[in-house]
Amino acid sequence: MSEPRIGIYPGTFDPLTNGHMDIISRATKVVDILIVCVAEHTGKDTLFTLSERLDMIEEEVRILDDAIKTSVEVQPFKTLLMDFAESVEASVIIRGLRAVSDFEYEFQMAGMNTRLNNEIETVFLMASDRHQFIASRFVKEIGRLGGDVSHFVSPRVKKELIKRFEEQKR
């Protein structure tokens, strides 16, 4: 029996969107084990703590688990992505692409990662047409201004966004 193909899907996931979940679901068709790795130190000012982001993703993945055969895990990371990939014996990095502007950045990142370890492949998955324009930063802005984010995130994530914005108003 061959070794399972382990893939990682890295990101900030602040917050987890329906676009992220679409990529997670589709990535399970490419690998035997998928690790959603959540960046601890992102250089970004995150709305949610690492713990909160992990909890949200774990809850959404738990719902997904019933519908798929691939094992999906959620783990934080604070190292170079390639160091994390090596530590979990991943052979594939999954990246989602929404637009041409994503491709340029991701292409450069994939090239750098290949220079660090050419045994780990980067696989790009195009966002589904209904998710192409979903970006966490837009979801946060819409939610912050009181707009309806229900088309972009799960009901649980929407609830967490509303709660966070209400806390910030106090």
N, C-alpha and C. Protein backbone atom coordinates (compact mmCIF):
# COMPACT_ATOMS: atom_id res chain seq x y z
N MET A 1 0.84 -1.19 0.00
CA MET A 1 0.00 0.00 0.00
C MET A 1 0.88 1.25 0.00
N SER A 2 0.55 2.21 -0.83
CA SER A 2 1.38 3.41 -0.93
C SER A 2 1.07 4.38 0.22
N GLU A 3 2.04 5.25 0.45
CA GLU A 3 1.89 6.26 1.49
C GLU A 3 0.76 7.21 1.11
N PRO A 4 0.02 7.70 2.10
CA PRO A 4 -1.05 8.65 1.77
C PRO A 4 -0.46 9.97 1.28
N ARG A 5 -1.14 10.58 0.33
CA ARG A 5 -0.71 11.88 -0.19
C ARG A 5 -1.25 12.95 0.76
N ILE A 6 -0.33 13.68 1.40
CA ILE A 6 -0.70 14.70 2.37
C ILE A 6 -0.57 16.07 1.71
N GLY A 7 -1.62 16.85 1.82
CA GLY A 7 -1.61 18.21 1.29
C GLY A 7 -1.88 19.21 2.39
N ILE A 8 -1.36 20.41 2.20
CA ILE A 8 -1.65 21.48 3.15
C ILE A 8 -2.31 22.63 2.40
N TYR A 9 -3.24 23.28 3.07
CA TYR A 9 -3.91 24.47 2.54
C TYR A 9 -3.67 25.58 3.54
N PRO A 10 -2.67 26.43 3.28
CA PRO A 10 -2.30 27.47 4.24
C PRO A 10 -3.09 28.76 4.04
N GLY A 11 -3.26 29.50 5.12
CA GLY A 11 -3.89 30.80 5.02
C GLY A 11 -4.10 31.42 6.38
N THR A 12 -4.60 32.64 6.35
CA THR A 12 -4.95 33.35 7.56
C THR A 12 -6.36 32.98 8.00
N PHE A 13 -7.26 32.86 7.03
CA PHE A 13 -8.66 32.48 7.28
C PHE A 13 -9.29 33.42 8.32
N ASP A 14 -9.22 34.71 8.03
CA ASP A 14 -9.72 35.73 8.96
C ASP A 14 -10.74 36.63 8.29
N PRO A 15 -11.99 36.18 8.16
CA PRO A 15 -12.54 34.91 8.62
C PRO A 15 -12.55 33.87 7.50
N LEU A 16 -12.91 32.65 7.89
CA LEU A 16 -13.12 31.57 6.93
C LEU A 16 -14.34 31.92 6.08
N THR A 17 -14.17 31.86 4.77
CA THR A 17 -15.27 32.20 3.86
C THR A 17 -15.80 30.95 3.14
N ASN A 18 -16.91 31.12 2.44
CA ASN A 18 -17.43 30.03 1.62
C ASN A 18 -16.44 29.69 0.50
N GLY A 19 -15.67 30.67 0.07
CA GLY A 19 -14.63 30.40 -0.93
C GLY A 19 -13.55 29.48 -0.39
N HIS A 20 -13.13 29.73 0.85
CA HIS A 20 -12.16 28.83 1.49
C HIS A 20 -12.73 27.42 1.59
N MET A 21 -13.99 27.33 2.02
CA MET A 21 -14.61 26.01 2.19
C MET A 21 -14.74 25.29 0.85
N ASP A 22 -14.98 26.02 -0.22
CA ASP A 22 -15.05 25.43 -1.55
C ASP A 22 -13.69 24.82 -1.92
N ILE A 23 -12.61 25.56 -1.66
CA ILE A 23 -11.26 25.05 -1.96
C ILE A 23 -10.96 23.83 -1.09
N ILE A 24 -11.31 23.89 0.19
CA ILE A 24 -11.08 22.75 1.09
C ILE A 24 -11.81 21.52 0.56
N SER A 25 -13.06 21.69 0.23
CA SER A 25 -13.86 20.56 -0.27
C SER A 25 -13.27 19.98 -1.55
N ARG A 26 -12.88 20.83 -2.47
CA ARG A 26 -12.32 20.36 -3.73
C ARG A 26 -10.92 19.78 -3.56
N ALA A 27 -10.15 20.30 -2.61
CA ALA A 27 -8.80 19.79 -2.37
C ALA A 27 -8.83 18.36 -1.85
N THR A 28 -9.92 18.00 -1.19
CA THR A 28 -10.03 16.62 -0.68
C THR A 28 -10.09 15.59 -1.81
N LYS A 29 -10.34 16.05 -3.02
CA LYS A 29 -10.34 15.15 -4.18
C LYS A 29 -8.93 14.92 -4.72
N VAL A 30 -7.98 15.74 -4.26
CA VAL A 30 -6.62 15.70 -4.78
C VAL A 30 -5.66 14.98 -3.83
N VAL A 31 -5.96 15.01 -2.54
CA VAL A 31 -5.07 14.43 -1.54
C VAL A 31 -5.84 13.45 -0.65
N ASP A 32 -5.08 12.61 0.05
CA ASP A 32 -5.69 11.65 0.98
C ASP A 32 -5.91 12.27 2.36
N ILE A 33 -5.00 13.15 2.75
CA ILE A 33 -5.10 13.87 4.02
C ILE A 33 -4.87 15.34 3.71
N LEU A 34 -5.78 16.19 4.14
CA LEU A 34 -5.64 17.63 3.94
C LEU A 34 -5.48 18.30 5.30
N ILE A 35 -4.42 19.08 5.43
CA ILE A 35 -4.21 19.85 6.65
C ILE A 35 -4.44 21.32 6.32
N VAL A 36 -5.47 21.89 6.92
CA VAL A 36 -5.71 23.31 6.80
C VAL A 36 -4.80 23.96 7.83
N CYS A 37 -3.78 24.65 7.37
CA CYS A 37 -2.81 25.22 8.30
C CYS A 37 -3.03 26.73 8.40
N VAL A 38 -3.25 27.15 9.63
CA VAL A 38 -3.65 28.52 9.91
C VAL A 38 -2.44 29.31 10.40
N ALA A 39 -2.13 30.38 9.70
CA ALA A 39 -0.96 31.19 10.02
C ALA A 39 -1.15 31.90 11.35
N GLU A 40 -0.19 31.66 12.24
CA GLU A 40 -0.24 32.30 13.56
C GLU A 40 0.23 33.75 13.46
N HIS A 41 1.37 33.96 12.84
CA HIS A 41 1.91 35.30 12.66
C HIS A 41 1.79 35.65 11.19
N THR A 42 0.91 36.56 10.89
CA THR A 42 0.60 36.83 9.50
C THR A 42 1.14 38.15 8.99
N GLY A 43 1.57 39.02 9.89
CA GLY A 43 1.94 40.35 9.46
C GLY A 43 0.70 41.20 9.20
N LYS A 44 -0.45 40.61 9.40
CA LYS A 44 -1.73 41.31 9.20
C LYS A 44 -2.35 41.55 10.57
N ASP A 45 -3.17 42.57 10.64
CA ASP A 45 -3.93 42.85 11.85
C ASP A 45 -5.22 42.02 11.75
N THR A 46 -5.26 40.89 12.42
CA THR A 46 -6.40 39.99 12.28
C THR A 46 -7.56 40.41 13.16
N LEU A 47 -8.76 40.14 12.69
CA LEU A 47 -9.98 40.42 13.44
C LEU A 47 -10.17 39.39 14.54
N PHE A 48 -9.84 38.14 14.23
CA PHE A 48 -10.01 37.04 15.16
C PHE A 48 -8.66 36.51 15.63
N THR A 49 -8.61 36.03 16.86
CA THR A 49 -7.39 35.43 17.38
C THR A 49 -7.13 34.11 16.67
N LEU A 50 -5.94 33.61 16.82
CA LEU A 50 -5.61 32.31 16.24
C LEU A 50 -6.56 31.24 16.76
N SER A 51 -6.79 31.23 18.04
CA SER A 51 -7.68 30.24 18.66
C SER A 51 -9.09 30.32 18.08
N GLU A 52 -9.58 31.53 17.91
CA GLU A 52 -10.93 31.70 17.35
C GLU A 52 -10.99 31.22 15.90
N ARG A 53 -9.96 31.53 15.13
CA ARG A 53 -9.94 31.08 13.74
C ARG A 53 -9.86 29.56 13.65
N LEU A 54 -9.03 28.96 14.49
CA LEU A 54 -8.95 27.49 14.52
C LEU A 54 -10.29 26.87 14.87
N ASP A 55 -10.96 27.42 15.88
CA ASP A 55 -12.27 26.90 16.31
C ASP A 55 -13.30 26.97 15.18
N MET A 56 -13.34 28.12 14.49
CA MET A 56 -14.31 28.28 13.40
C MET A 56 -14.05 27.27 12.29
N ILE A 57 -12.79 27.12 11.92
CA ILE A 57 -12.45 26.19 10.84
C ILE A 57 -12.76 24.76 11.26
N GLU A 58 -12.39 24.39 12.47
CA GLU A 58 -12.65 23.03 12.94
C GLU A 58 -14.14 22.71 12.92
N GLU A 59 -14.97 23.66 13.32
CA GLU A 59 -16.41 23.45 13.30
C GLU A 59 -16.93 23.25 11.88
N GLU A 60 -16.49 24.08 10.97
CA GLU A 60 -16.95 23.97 9.58
C GLU A 60 -16.44 22.69 8.93
N VAL A 61 -15.20 22.31 9.23
CA VAL A 61 -14.64 21.07 8.68
C VAL A 61 -15.37 19.86 9.23
N ARG A 62 -15.76 19.93 10.50
CA ARG A 62 -16.51 18.82 11.11
C ARG A 62 -17.79 18.56 10.32
N ILE A 63 -18.45 19.62 9.90
CA ILE A 63 -19.67 19.49 9.09
C ILE A 63 -19.33 18.86 7.74
N LEU A 64 -18.23 19.28 7.15
CA LEU A 64 -17.78 18.76 5.86
C LEU A 64 -17.38 17.30 5.94
N ASP A 65 -16.78 16.90 7.07
CA ASP A 65 -16.27 15.54 7.24
C ASP A 65 -17.27 14.45 6.89
N ASP A 66 -18.54 14.70 7.17
CA ASP A 66 -19.57 13.69 6.89
C ASP A 66 -19.74 13.43 5.40
N ALA A 67 -19.40 14.42 4.59
CA ALA A 67 -19.65 14.32 3.15
C ALA A 67 -18.44 13.85 2.34
N ILE A 68 -17.28 13.74 2.98
CA ILE A 68 -16.07 13.40 2.23
C ILE A 68 -15.37 12.19 2.83
N LYS A 69 -14.48 11.63 2.07
CA LYS A 69 -13.73 10.48 2.53
C LYS A 69 -12.32 10.87 3.02
N THR A 70 -11.81 11.98 2.54
CA THR A 70 -10.48 12.45 2.91
C THR A 70 -10.48 12.94 4.35
N SER A 71 -9.42 12.67 5.05
CA SER A 71 -9.24 13.20 6.40
C SER A 71 -8.82 14.66 6.31
N VAL A 72 -9.52 15.53 7.06
CA VAL A 72 -9.17 16.95 7.09
C VAL A 72 -8.81 17.31 8.52
N GLU A 73 -7.63 17.89 8.67
CA GLU A 73 -7.15 18.33 9.98
C GLU A 73 -6.95 19.84 9.94
N VAL A 74 -6.94 20.45 11.10
CA VAL A 74 -6.70 21.89 11.21
C VAL A 74 -5.56 22.08 12.20
N GLN A 75 -4.51 22.80 11.76
CA GLN A 75 -3.34 23.02 12.62
C GLN A 75 -2.82 24.43 12.45
N PRO A 76 -2.33 25.03 13.54
CA PRO A 76 -1.67 26.33 13.41
C PRO A 76 -0.24 26.15 12.94
N PHE A 77 0.33 27.21 12.35
CA PHE A 77 1.76 27.17 12.05
C PHE A 77 2.34 28.57 12.18
N LYS A 78 3.60 28.61 12.57
CA LYS A 78 4.27 29.91 12.72
C LYS A 78 5.69 29.88 12.15
N THR A 79 5.96 28.89 11.34
CA THR A 79 7.28 28.74 10.73
C THR A 79 7.17 29.10 9.24
N LEU A 80 8.27 28.95 8.53
CA LEU A 80 8.19 29.01 7.08
C LEU A 80 7.23 27.92 6.62
N LEU A 81 6.45 28.22 5.62
CA LEU A 81 5.48 27.25 5.13
C LEU A 81 6.16 25.94 4.73
N MET A 82 7.31 26.02 4.08
CA MET A 82 7.99 24.80 3.64
C MET A 82 8.49 23.99 4.84
N ASP A 83 8.90 24.66 5.90
CA ASP A 83 9.29 23.93 7.11
C ASP A 83 8.09 23.19 7.70
N PHE A 84 6.94 23.87 7.71
CA PHE A 84 5.72 23.21 8.20
C PHE A 84 5.37 22.02 7.31
N ALA A 85 5.41 22.24 6.00
CA ALA A 85 5.08 21.17 5.05
C ALA A 85 5.97 19.95 5.27
N GLU A 86 7.26 20.19 5.45
CA GLU A 86 8.19 19.09 5.71
C GLU A 86 7.88 18.39 7.03
N SER A 87 7.50 19.16 8.05
CA SER A 87 7.25 18.58 9.37
C SER A 87 6.04 17.66 9.38
N VAL A 88 5.08 17.89 8.48
CA VAL A 88 3.89 17.03 8.42
C VAL A 88 3.97 16.06 7.24
N GLU A 89 5.13 16.06 6.57
CA GLU A 89 5.39 15.18 5.43
C GLU A 89 4.43 15.40 4.27
N ALA A 90 4.10 16.67 4.04
CA ALA A 90 3.21 17.02 2.93
C ALA A 90 3.98 16.93 1.61
N SER A 91 3.27 16.53 0.57
CA SER A 91 3.87 16.51 -0.76
C SER A 91 3.21 17.53 -1.68
N VAL A 92 2.14 18.17 -1.17
CA VAL A 92 1.36 19.09 -2.00
C VAL A 92 0.95 20.30 -1.16
N ILE A 93 1.08 21.48 -1.76
CA ILE A 93 0.53 22.71 -1.18
C ILE A 93 -0.64 23.11 -2.07
N ILE A 94 -1.79 23.31 -1.47
CA ILE A 94 -2.99 23.71 -2.19
C ILE A 94 -3.14 25.22 -2.08
N ARG A 95 -3.35 25.87 -3.19
CA ARG A 95 -3.60 27.32 -3.19
C ARG A 95 -4.81 27.61 -4.06
N GLY A 96 -5.64 28.50 -3.61
CA GLY A 96 -6.80 28.91 -4.37
C GLY A 96 -6.51 30.18 -5.15
N LEU A 97 -7.04 30.25 -6.35
CA LEU A 97 -6.89 31.43 -7.19
C LEU A 97 -8.26 31.99 -7.53
N ARG A 98 -8.43 33.30 -7.30
CA ARG A 98 -9.70 33.95 -7.63
C ARG A 98 -9.60 34.72 -8.93
N ALA A 99 -8.46 35.39 -9.13
CA ALA A 99 -8.31 36.28 -10.28
C ALA A 99 -6.87 36.28 -10.75
N VAL A 100 -6.64 36.92 -11.89
CA VAL A 100 -5.29 37.01 -12.44
C VAL A 100 -4.35 37.66 -11.44
N SER A 101 -4.83 38.63 -10.68
CA SER A 101 -3.97 39.31 -9.70
C SER A 101 -3.47 38.33 -8.64
N ASP A 102 -4.26 37.33 -8.27
CA ASP A 102 -3.80 36.30 -7.34
C ASP A 102 -2.67 35.49 -7.95
N PHE A 103 -2.79 35.22 -9.26
CA PHE A 103 -1.83 34.34 -9.90
C PHE A 103 -0.40 34.86 -9.82
N GLU A 104 -0.20 36.15 -10.05
CA GLU A 104 1.16 36.70 -10.04
C GLU A 104 1.84 36.47 -8.69
N TYR A 105 1.14 36.80 -7.61
CA TYR A 105 1.69 36.60 -6.27
C TYR A 105 1.93 35.12 -6.00
N GLU A 106 0.94 34.29 -6.29
CA GLU A 106 1.04 32.85 -6.01
C GLU A 106 2.12 32.19 -6.86
N PHE A 107 2.29 32.64 -8.09
CA PHE A 107 3.33 32.12 -8.97
C PHE A 107 4.71 32.40 -8.37
N GLN A 108 4.91 33.62 -7.89
CA GLN A 108 6.18 33.97 -7.26
C GLN A 108 6.41 33.14 -6.01
N MET A 109 5.37 32.98 -5.19
CA MET A 109 5.49 32.21 -3.95
C MET A 109 5.81 30.74 -4.27
N ALA A 110 5.13 30.19 -5.25
CA ALA A 110 5.39 28.79 -5.63
C ALA A 110 6.83 28.63 -6.09
N GLY A 111 7.34 29.59 -6.83
CA GLY A 111 8.73 29.53 -7.29
C GLY A 111 9.71 29.56 -6.12
N MET A 112 9.46 30.42 -5.16
CA MET A 112 10.32 30.50 -3.98
C MET A 112 10.26 29.19 -3.19
N ASN A 113 9.05 28.66 -3.02
CA ASN A 113 8.89 27.42 -2.28
C ASN A 113 9.59 26.26 -2.96
N THR A 114 9.55 26.24 -4.28
CA THR A 114 10.24 25.18 -5.03
C THR A 114 11.74 25.26 -4.82
N ARG A 115 12.26 26.48 -4.72
CA ARG A 115 13.70 26.64 -4.46
C ARG A 115 14.07 26.11 -3.08
N LEU A 116 13.12 26.21 -2.12
CA LEU A 116 13.37 25.72 -0.77
C LEU A 116 13.23 24.20 -0.69
N ASN A 117 12.31 23.64 -1.47
CA ASN A 117 12.12 22.18 -1.48
C ASN A 117 11.40 21.80 -2.77
N ASN A 118 12.13 21.25 -3.70
CA ASN A 118 11.53 20.92 -5.00
C ASN A 118 10.77 19.59 -4.99
N GLU A 119 10.69 18.95 -3.84
CA GLU A 119 9.91 17.71 -3.72
C GLU A 119 8.44 17.97 -3.41
N ILE A 120 8.12 19.20 -3.03
CA ILE A 120 6.74 19.55 -2.67
C ILE A 120 6.15 20.38 -3.80
N GLU A 121 5.05 19.89 -4.36
CA GLU A 121 4.39 20.54 -5.49
C GLU A 121 3.33 21.52 -5.00
N THR A 122 3.13 22.58 -5.75
CA THR A 122 2.04 23.51 -5.49
C THR A 122 0.95 23.24 -6.51
N VAL A 123 -0.26 23.06 -6.03
CA VAL A 123 -1.42 22.82 -6.90
C VAL A 123 -2.36 24.01 -6.74
N PHE A 124 -2.70 24.64 -7.86
CA PHE A 124 -3.61 25.77 -7.85
C PHE A 124 -5.01 25.30 -8.21
N LEU A 125 -5.98 25.68 -7.40
CA LEU A 125 -7.38 25.40 -7.70
C LEU A 125 -8.07 26.72 -7.96
N MET A 126 -8.71 26.81 -9.11
CA MET A 126 -9.46 28.02 -9.44
C MET A 126 -10.72 28.09 -8.58
N ALA A 127 -11.01 29.26 -8.09
CA ALA A 127 -12.24 29.44 -7.32
C ALA A 127 -13.44 29.14 -8.21
N SER A 128 -14.44 28.53 -7.63
CA SER A 128 -15.69 28.31 -8.37
C SER A 128 -16.28 29.66 -8.73
N ASP A 129 -17.02 29.71 -9.82
CA ASP A 129 -17.52 31.01 -10.30
C ASP A 129 -18.32 31.77 -9.25
N ARG A 130 -19.05 31.09 -8.41
CA ARG A 130 -19.85 31.79 -7.40
C ARG A 130 -19.01 32.30 -6.23
N HIS A 131 -17.74 31.92 -6.17
CA HIS A 131 -16.87 32.34 -5.07
C HIS A 131 -15.68 33.20 -5.52
N GLN A 132 -15.61 33.53 -6.80
CA GLN A 132 -14.43 34.20 -7.33
C GLN A 132 -14.14 35.56 -6.71
N PHE A 133 -15.14 36.25 -6.24
CA PHE A 133 -14.92 37.60 -5.74
C PHE A 133 -14.99 37.69 -4.22
N ILE A 134 -15.04 36.56 -3.55
CA ILE A 134 -15.07 36.57 -2.10
C ILE A 134 -13.64 36.70 -1.57
N ALA A 135 -13.42 37.70 -0.76
CA ALA A 135 -12.13 37.90 -0.09
C ALA A 135 -12.44 38.25 1.36
N SER A 136 -11.67 37.69 2.26
CA SER A 136 -11.90 37.93 3.68
C SER A 136 -11.92 39.42 4.00
N ARG A 137 -11.05 40.19 3.38
CA ARG A 137 -11.00 41.63 3.69
C ARG A 137 -12.29 42.32 3.27
N PHE A 138 -12.91 41.89 2.17
CA PHE A 138 -14.18 42.48 1.76
C PHE A 138 -15.30 42.05 2.69
N VAL A 139 -15.28 40.79 3.09
CA VAL A 139 -16.30 40.29 4.02
C VAL A 139 -16.25 41.08 5.32
N LYS A 140 -15.05 41.32 5.82
CA LYS A 140 -14.90 42.09 7.07
C LYS A 140 -15.42 43.51 6.90
N GLU A 141 -15.11 44.12 5.77
CA GLU A 141 -15.55 45.50 5.54
C GLU A 141 -17.07 45.57 5.42
N ILE A 142 -17.67 44.65 4.69
CA ILE A 142 -19.12 44.62 4.55
C ILE A 142 -19.76 44.42 5.92
N GLY A 143 -19.24 43.46 6.68
CA GLY A 143 -19.79 43.20 8.01
C GLY A 143 -19.60 44.37 8.96
N ARG A 144 -18.45 45.00 8.92
CA ARG A 144 -18.15 46.15 9.79
C ARG A 144 -19.13 47.28 9.54
N LEU A 145 -19.56 47.43 8.29
CA LEU A 145 -20.48 48.51 7.93
C LEU A 145 -21.94 48.08 8.00
N GLY A 146 -22.19 46.89 8.57
CA GLY A 146 -23.56 46.43 8.78
C GLY A 146 -24.21 45.74 7.61
N GLY A 147 -23.44 45.41 6.59
CA GLY A 147 -23.99 44.72 5.42
C GLY A 147 -24.21 43.24 5.69
N ASP A 148 -24.96 42.63 4.81
CA ASP A 148 -25.30 41.21 4.94
C ASP A 148 -24.17 40.36 4.33
N VAL A 149 -23.53 39.56 5.16
CA VAL A 149 -22.43 38.71 4.70
C VAL A 149 -22.86 37.26 4.52
N SER A 150 -24.14 36.99 4.61
CA SER A 150 -24.62 35.60 4.59
C SER A 150 -24.34 34.87 3.28
N HIS A 151 -24.10 35.59 2.19
CA HIS A 151 -23.76 34.91 0.93
C HIS A 151 -22.29 34.50 0.87
N PHE A 152 -21.49 35.01 1.81
CA PHE A 152 -20.04 34.85 1.74
C PHE A 152 -19.46 33.94 2.81
N VAL A 153 -20.19 33.74 3.90
CA VAL A 153 -19.71 32.93 5.02
C VAL A 153 -20.83 32.04 5.53
N SER A 154 -20.46 31.05 6.33
CA SER A 154 -21.45 30.16 6.93
C SER A 154 -22.24 30.92 8.00
N PRO A 155 -23.40 30.39 8.39
CA PRO A 155 -24.16 31.02 9.47
C PRO A 155 -23.35 31.18 10.76
N ARG A 156 -22.53 30.19 11.09
CA ARG A 156 -21.73 30.28 12.31
C ARG A 156 -20.71 31.41 12.22
N VAL A 157 -20.02 31.52 11.11
CA VAL A 157 -19.03 32.57 10.94
C VAL A 157 -19.72 33.94 10.92
N LYS A 158 -20.87 34.03 10.28
CA LYS A 158 -21.63 35.28 10.27
C LYS A 158 -21.95 35.71 11.70
N LYS A 159 -22.38 34.78 12.51
CA LYS A 159 -22.70 35.08 13.91
C LYS A 159 -21.47 35.60 14.64
N GLU A 160 -20.31 34.98 14.41
CA GLU A 160 -19.07 35.41 15.05
C GLU A 160 -18.65 36.80 14.58
N LEU A 161 -18.86 37.09 13.29
CA LEU A 161 -18.53 38.41 12.77
C LEU A 161 -19.40 39.48 13.42
N ILE A 162 -20.69 39.23 13.47
CA ILE A 162 -21.63 40.19 14.09
C ILE A 162 -21.25 40.44 15.54
N LYS A 163 -20.97 39.36 16.25
CA LYS A 163 -20.58 39.47 17.66
C LYS A 163 -19.32 40.31 17.81
N ARG A 164 -18.32 40.07 16.98
CA ARG A 164 -17.06 40.81 17.07
C ARG A 164 -17.27 42.29 16.78
N PHE A 165 -18.07 42.60 15.75
CA PHE A 165 -18.28 44.00 15.42
C PHE A 165 -19.09 44.72 16.50
N GLU A 166 -20.01 44.02 17.14
CA GLU A 166 -20.74 44.61 18.25
C GLU A 166 -19.82 44.88 19.43
N GLU A 167 -18.88 43.97 19.69
CA GLU A 167 -17.89 44.16 20.76
C GLU A 167 -17.03 45.39 20.47
N GLN A 168 -16.66 45.57 19.21
CA GLN A 168 -15.79 46.69 18.86
C GLN A 168 -16.50 48.03 18.99
N LYS A 169 -17.82 48.04 18.85
CA LYS A 169 -18.58 49.28 18.97
C LYS A 169 -18.67 49.77 20.41
N ARG A 170 -18.52 48.84 21.36
CA ARG A 170 -18.65 49.21 22.78
C ARG A 170 -17.48 49.99 23.26
